[in-house]
Amino acid sequence: MSFDEPMPLHIVALFARTSFLCRKTVTESVANLDLTESRWRVMTYMALIGEGCTQQMVAEKMQIEMPSLTRTIKQLETTGLIKRITDTSDKRNRLLYFTPTGRARMNDIESTLNAIRNELYQGISEEELATMVRGINKIEHNARQLLEKL
């Protein structure tokens, strides 16, 4: 790989391809749980943020629009994996919680993610992973700063 190009955007393309392949691997791995990519991703973000989070919090963290998220949340609610409860302090907000079935499904997702992570990171040292994370975080930070200037 050469960095002599004026703007080596092939790195950005590599990020996109890698992200796609990783998401596809997870989606195919959880297909037996009857979960689409949008469903397992929403559930994963809910778990990361914490139960009782708002739909807006999930949308912001996932960087998606509310209509897309609302559609997926309705599907998850219909299948009995999550429940939405109106926030008593602000009736405009709906708080998201896992049902017992949803918690069990989330445990299955986490187990699958751990197994996939172990295979994906095979042959990569902790030091190499840490270096990649630092570099990617810097690129993300720089991209955000560029966007603010535009």
Protein backbone atom coordinates (compact mmCIF):
# COMPACT_ATOMS: atom_id res chain seq x y z
CA MET A 1 0.00 0.00 0.00
CA SER A 2 1.40 3.34 -1.00
CA PHE A 3 0.75 6.63 0.72
CA ASP A 4 2.29 8.64 -2.11
CA GLU A 5 -1.14 9.47 -3.47
CA PRO A 6 -2.35 13.04 -3.00
CA MET A 7 -5.22 11.81 -0.80
CA PRO A 8 -5.19 8.11 0.08
CA LEU A 9 -8.92 7.65 0.42
CA HIS A 10 -8.41 3.92 -0.04
CA ILE A 11 -8.05 3.85 3.76
CA VAL A 12 -11.60 5.17 4.10
CA ALA A 13 -12.77 2.57 1.59
CA LEU A 14 -10.99 -0.10 3.64
CA PHE A 15 -12.84 1.08 6.78
CA ALA A 16 -16.15 0.86 4.91
CA ARG A 17 -15.46 -2.63 3.50
CA THR A 18 -14.26 -3.92 6.86
CA SER A 19 -17.27 -2.46 8.67
CA PHE A 20 -19.62 -4.01 6.10
CA LEU A 21 -17.97 -7.43 6.38
CA CYS A 22 -18.05 -7.38 10.18
CA ARG A 23 -21.73 -6.36 10.29
CA LYS A 24 -22.60 -8.99 7.68
CA THR A 25 -20.77 -11.65 9.70
CA VAL A 26 -22.75 -10.75 12.82
CA THR A 27 -26.04 -10.57 10.90
CA GLU A 28 -25.53 -14.02 9.41
CA SER A 29 -24.43 -15.37 12.79
CA VAL A 30 -27.57 -14.15 14.56
CA ALA A 31 -29.97 -15.03 11.72
CA ASN A 32 -31.04 -18.11 13.67
CA LEU A 33 -32.25 -15.70 16.40
CA ASP A 34 -34.61 -14.10 13.86
CA LEU A 35 -32.75 -10.79 13.99
CA THR A 36 -32.01 -8.48 11.10
CA GLU A 37 -29.02 -6.16 11.15
CA SER A 38 -31.14 -3.20 12.21
CA ARG A 39 -32.68 -5.21 15.07
CA TRP A 40 -29.47 -6.60 16.55
CA ARG A 41 -27.78 -3.22 16.22
CA VAL A 42 -30.59 -1.39 18.05
CA MET A 43 -30.55 -4.02 20.80
CA THR A 44 -26.77 -3.76 21.10
CA TYR A 45 -26.87 0.03 21.35
CA MET A 46 -29.65 -0.20 23.94
CA ALA A 47 -27.46 -2.51 26.00
CA LEU A 48 -24.45 -0.20 25.62
CA ILE A 49 -26.36 2.93 26.60
CA GLY A 50 -28.39 1.17 29.29
CA GLU A 51 -31.99 0.26 29.80
CA GLY A 52 -34.28 3.21 30.32
CA CYS A 53 -32.57 5.12 27.53
CA THR A 54 -34.68 7.18 25.16
CA GLN A 55 -35.22 6.51 21.48
CA GLN A 56 -33.45 9.81 20.79
CA MET A 57 -30.37 8.64 22.69
CA VAL A 58 -30.22 5.45 20.62
CA ALA A 59 -30.73 7.37 17.34
CA GLU A 60 -27.93 9.79 18.21
CA LYS A 61 -25.52 7.04 19.25
CA MET A 62 -26.29 5.02 16.11
CA GLN A 63 -26.23 8.16 13.95
CA ILE A 64 -29.52 7.29 12.27
CA GLU A 65 -32.76 9.17 11.71
CA MET A 66 -35.68 8.72 14.10
CA PRO A 67 -38.12 7.28 11.50
CA SER A 68 -35.75 4.40 10.75
CA LEU A 69 -35.19 3.74 14.43
CA THR A 70 -38.90 3.99 15.27
CA ARG A 71 -39.73 1.37 12.64
CA THR A 72 -37.14 -1.05 14.08
CA ILE A 73 -38.23 -0.39 17.66
CA LYS A 74 -41.84 -1.14 16.71
CA GLN A 75 -40.69 -4.44 15.20
CA LEU A 76 -38.72 -5.31 18.34
CA GLU A 77 -41.72 -4.41 20.49
CA THR A 78 -44.09 -6.48 18.32
CA THR A 79 -41.81 -9.51 18.64
CA GLY A 80 -41.75 -9.10 22.42
CA LEU A 81 -38.06 -8.23 22.77
CA ILE A 82 -38.39 -4.70 24.10
CA LYS A 83 -41.01 -2.50 25.68
CA ARG A 84 -41.47 1.25 25.47
CA ILE A 85 -42.63 3.13 28.52
CA THR A 86 -43.64 6.78 28.52
CA ASP A 87 -41.27 8.89 30.59
CA THR A 88 -43.24 10.22 33.56
CA SER A 89 -41.08 13.36 33.73
CA ASP A 90 -41.42 14.12 30.01
CA LYS A 91 -44.38 12.57 28.23
CA ARG A 92 -42.74 13.18 24.84
CA ASN A 93 -40.02 10.61 25.59
CA ARG A 94 -40.38 6.86 25.36
CA LEU A 95 -37.96 4.88 27.52
CA LEU A 96 -36.68 1.57 26.18
CA TYR A 97 -36.40 -1.62 28.22
CA PHE A 98 -35.69 -5.24 27.39
CA THR A 99 -38.38 -7.77 28.15
CA PRO A 100 -37.18 -11.01 29.81
CA THR A 101 -37.18 -12.61 26.34
CA GLY A 102 -35.27 -9.62 24.99
CA ARG A 103 -32.66 -9.86 27.75
CA ALA A 104 -32.14 -13.54 26.95
CA ARG A 105 -31.84 -12.70 23.25
CA MET A 106 -29.36 -9.92 24.09
CA ASN A 107 -27.26 -12.46 26.02
CA ASP A 108 -27.24 -14.64 22.89
CA ILE A 109 -26.16 -11.65 20.79
CA GLU A 110 -23.35 -10.82 23.24
CA SER A 111 -22.11 -14.41 23.19
CA THR A 112 -22.13 -14.36 19.39
CA LEU A 113 -20.32 -11.01 19.30
CA ASN A 114 -17.64 -12.28 21.70
CA ALA A 115 -17.04 -15.39 19.58
CA ILE A 116 -16.84 -13.34 16.39
CA ARG A 117 -14.54 -10.78 18.02
CA ASN A 118 -12.18 -13.56 19.08
CA GLU A 119 -11.99 -14.86 15.53
CA LEU A 120 -11.68 -11.42 13.92
CA TYR A 121 -8.85 -10.38 16.25
CA GLN A 122 -7.00 -13.69 15.88
CA GLY A 123 -3.32 -13.07 15.18
CA ILE A 124 -3.51 -9.40 16.18
CA SER A 125 -1.73 -8.43 19.38
CA GLU A 126 -3.28 -6.21 22.05
CA GLU A 127 -0.66 -3.60 21.16
CA GLU A 128 -1.62 -3.69 17.48
CA LEU A 129 -5.32 -3.38 18.35
CA ALA A 130 -4.61 -0.43 20.65
CA THR A 131 -2.57 1.29 17.93
CA MET A 132 -5.37 0.80 15.39
CA VAL A 133 -7.96 2.16 17.80
CA ARG A 134 -5.86 5.25 18.51
CA GLY A 135 -5.35 5.88 14.79
CA ILE A 136 -9.01 5.38 13.90
CA ASN A 137 -10.09 7.62 16.79
CA LYS A 138 -7.78 10.36 15.51
CA ILE A 139 -9.19 10.05 11.98
CA GLU A 140 -12.74 10.19 13.37
CA HIS A 141 -11.87 13.27 15.44
CA ASN A 142 -10.30 14.98 12.43
CA ALA A 143 -13.32 14.15 10.26
CA ARG A 144 -15.66 15.67 12.85
CA GLN A 145 -13.54 18.83 12.95
CA LEU A 146 -13.57 19.06 9.15
CA LEU A 147 -17.36 18.70 9.12
CA GLU A 148 -17.70 21.53 11.63
CA LYS A 149 -15.70 23.80 9.32
CA LEU A 150 -17.91 23.06 6.31
